[in-house]
Amino acid sequence: GDSVCSWTAGPWGKCDKPCTPEGKQRRQVYCPGHTCEGPKPRSERSCSEEEDPLCKICKVTIYGGGNLGRKEGKWHLRLNPGKYSSSDLEHQGVKCDDISSIKVEGHFCSTTVYEYGDFNKEHKGFKVTLEEGEYDRDALAANNVKDNDISSLEVINKAASAG
């Protein structure tokens, strides 16, 4: 006779519109056999049911090593939203021009990095905005950020300004 199986549900996917009431997550739900017992589990849910911590936080971590602190015993520093000139960073133990990788955490978080320590006020240099994600040395280079050449930066929480 036919064996009766249980429904199999895959993991929930990414939210299509994070941090909004309209956001939806989907997953695959299937029956591995001919017949499955019980009601089929749902394959869609609203993301707000699963409150996403990345909707609320905005943190940027800067690293002295080029691969986000992995396998490197170098310094790192977590920054909350705000502006950090080269002297602000030096007060927190960052050696001038020694930032080689960056992690931006939070769906509404971004960081703008500047080549010069005064937010490029006196000199023209690169100014690059990085959205949520991890940027190792190669990723920074791909975004036209020169290695060990960030002297000031700003951490921006776009959720705070949207409200």
Protein backbone atom coordinates (compact mmCIF):
# COMPACT_ATOMS: atom_id res chain seq x y z
CA GLY A 1 0.00 0.00 0.00
CA ASP A 2 0.96 3.66 -0.14
CA SER A 3 2.98 4.97 2.74
CA VAL A 4 1.71 8.21 4.23
CA CYS A 5 4.36 10.89 4.57
CA SER A 6 4.71 14.12 6.47
CA TRP A 7 4.81 17.49 4.80
CA THR A 8 8.30 18.87 4.29
CA ALA A 9 8.84 22.60 4.62
CA GLY A 10 12.04 24.36 3.58
CA PRO A 11 13.58 27.31 5.40
CA TRP A 12 11.91 30.71 5.23
CA GLY A 13 13.43 32.89 2.52
CA LYS A 14 14.50 36.51 2.78
CA CYS A 15 11.87 39.14 3.39
CA ASP A 16 10.93 40.85 0.12
CA LYS A 17 10.27 44.21 1.82
CA PRO A 18 12.16 44.17 5.10
CA CYS A 19 10.85 46.22 8.03
CA THR A 20 7.52 47.07 6.41
CA PRO A 21 4.08 45.68 7.18
CA GLU A 22 3.75 44.56 3.55
CA GLY A 23 6.88 42.37 3.68
CA LYS A 24 6.42 38.68 2.89
CA GLN A 25 8.63 35.62 3.31
CA ARG A 26 8.17 32.46 1.29
CA ARG A 27 9.32 28.86 1.62
CA GLN A 28 8.88 25.66 -0.29
CA VAL A 29 6.41 23.17 1.12
CA TYR A 30 6.06 19.78 -0.51
CA CYS A 31 4.90 16.25 0.01
CA PRO A 32 7.75 13.76 -0.51
CA GLY A 33 5.36 10.84 -1.12
CA HIS A 34 1.99 10.32 -2.79
CA THR A 35 -0.09 11.40 0.17
CA CYS A 36 0.65 13.53 3.17
CA GLU A 37 -1.24 13.70 6.44
CA GLY A 38 -2.77 16.80 7.92
CA PRO A 39 -3.11 20.31 6.54
CA LYS A 40 -0.35 21.60 4.30
CA PRO A 41 1.90 24.05 6.20
CA ARG A 42 1.79 27.59 4.87
CA SER A 43 4.36 28.67 2.34
CA GLU A 44 4.03 32.41 2.95
CA ARG A 45 4.00 34.61 6.02
CA SER A 46 4.34 38.28 6.78
CA CYS A 47 7.85 39.20 7.92
CA SER A 48 6.61 41.39 10.72
CA GLU A 49 5.57 38.19 12.52
CA GLU A 50 9.25 37.35 12.66
CA GLU A 51 10.55 40.69 13.96
CA ASP A 52 13.85 41.27 12.25
CA PRO A 53 16.53 42.61 14.61
CA LEU A 54 18.31 44.21 11.64
CA CYS A 55 15.39 46.64 11.31
CA LYS A 56 16.36 48.30 14.55
CA ILE A 57 20.13 48.28 14.67
CA CYS A 58 22.72 50.36 12.90
CA LYS A 59 26.29 49.38 13.66
CA VAL A 60 29.44 49.70 11.66
CA THR A 61 32.57 47.74 12.58
CA ILE A 62 35.90 48.84 11.17
CA TYR A 63 38.87 46.48 11.12
CA GLY A 64 42.60 46.93 10.89
CA GLY A 65 42.95 43.72 8.89
CA GLY A 66 41.69 43.17 5.38
CA ASN A 67 39.26 40.33 6.01
CA LEU A 68 36.84 41.49 8.70
CA GLY A 69 38.88 40.25 11.64
CA ARG A 70 38.90 36.63 10.51
CA LYS A 71 42.22 34.94 11.24
CA GLU A 72 43.79 38.31 11.98
CA GLY A 73 44.62 39.39 15.47
CA LYS A 74 44.28 43.04 14.57
CA TRP A 75 42.14 45.76 16.14
CA HIS A 76 38.50 46.39 15.39
CA LEU A 77 36.09 49.08 16.54
CA ARG A 78 32.28 49.21 16.59
CA LEU A 79 30.70 52.53 15.75
CA ASN A 80 27.16 53.77 16.33
CA PRO A 81 25.54 56.39 14.07
CA GLY A 82 27.50 59.64 14.05
CA LYS A 83 30.41 61.47 12.46
CA TYR A 84 33.98 60.43 13.16
CA SER A 85 36.88 62.63 12.09
CA SER A 86 40.43 61.27 12.07
CA SER A 87 41.05 62.73 15.54
CA ASP A 88 37.83 61.15 16.88
CA LEU A 89 38.99 57.80 15.53
CA GLU A 90 42.49 58.25 16.94
CA HIS A 91 40.99 58.93 20.38
CA GLN A 92 39.36 55.50 20.12
CA GLY A 93 42.65 53.83 19.24
CA VAL A 94 42.37 53.71 15.45
CA LYS A 95 45.71 54.32 13.83
CA CYS A 96 45.44 56.87 11.08
CA ASP A 97 44.93 55.27 7.68
CA ASP A 98 44.73 51.75 9.04
CA ILE A 99 41.19 50.68 8.12
CA SER A 100 41.23 47.68 5.77
CA SER A 101 37.74 46.17 6.02
CA ILE A 102 34.28 47.23 7.15
CA LYS A 103 31.04 45.56 8.20
CA VAL A 104 27.73 47.47 8.03
CA GLU A 105 24.88 45.89 10.05
CA GLY A 106 21.25 46.96 9.81
CA HIS A 107 18.76 47.23 6.94
CA PHE A 108 18.67 51.03 7.23
CA CYS A 109 22.33 51.49 7.98
CA SER A 110 25.05 52.84 5.75
CA THR A 111 28.47 54.38 6.18
CA THR A 112 30.12 57.10 4.14
CA VAL A 113 33.91 56.90 4.17
CA TYR A 114 36.23 59.76 3.30
CA GLU A 115 39.83 59.82 2.20
CA TYR A 116 40.74 62.80 4.36
CA GLY A 117 40.35 63.27 8.10
CA ASP A 118 38.08 66.31 7.91
CA PHE A 119 35.39 64.70 5.71
CA ASN A 120 37.28 65.98 2.61
CA LYS A 121 36.52 69.60 3.51
CA GLU A 122 39.96 70.87 2.60
CA HIS A 123 41.06 68.27 0.08
CA LYS A 124 39.26 66.48 -2.69
CA GLY A 125 39.45 62.76 -2.10
CA PHE A 126 37.25 59.73 -2.46
CA LYS A 127 33.88 59.74 -0.71
CA VAL A 128 32.07 56.41 -0.90
CA THR A 129 28.82 55.28 0.71
CA LEU A 130 28.58 51.59 1.63
CA GLU A 131 25.19 49.99 2.30
CA GLU A 132 24.49 46.99 4.57
CA GLY A 133 27.01 44.20 4.03
CA GLU A 134 30.55 43.02 4.60
CA TYR A 135 33.42 44.65 2.77
CA ASP A 136 36.80 42.97 2.86
CA ARG A 137 39.87 44.58 1.33
CA ASP A 138 38.89 43.44 -2.20
CA ALA A 139 35.29 44.62 -1.85
CA LEU A 140 36.48 48.02 -0.67
CA ALA A 141 38.82 48.24 -3.66
CA ALA A 142 35.93 47.32 -5.95
CA ASN A 143 34.03 50.29 -4.45
CA ASN A 144 37.00 52.60 -5.16
CA VAL A 145 38.06 52.78 -1.53
CA LYS A 146 41.85 52.63 -1.27
CA ASP A 147 43.20 50.22 1.34
CA ASN A 148 44.45 51.92 4.51
CA ASP A 149 43.28 55.26 3.17
CA ILE A 150 40.05 55.98 5.03
CA SER A 151 40.65 58.87 7.42
CA SER A 152 37.14 59.85 8.52
CA LEU A 153 33.69 58.37 8.26
CA GLU A 154 30.05 58.85 9.02
CA VAL A 155 27.60 56.17 10.16
CA ILE A 156 24.04 56.90 9.01
CA ASN A 157 20.84 55.33 10.31
CA LYS A 158 18.35 56.01 7.52
CA ALA A 159 15.47 54.69 9.62
CA ALA A 160 15.95 57.49 12.13
CA SER A 161 15.79 60.13 9.39
CA ALA A 162 12.79 58.49 7.73
CA GLY A 163 10.67 58.70 10.88
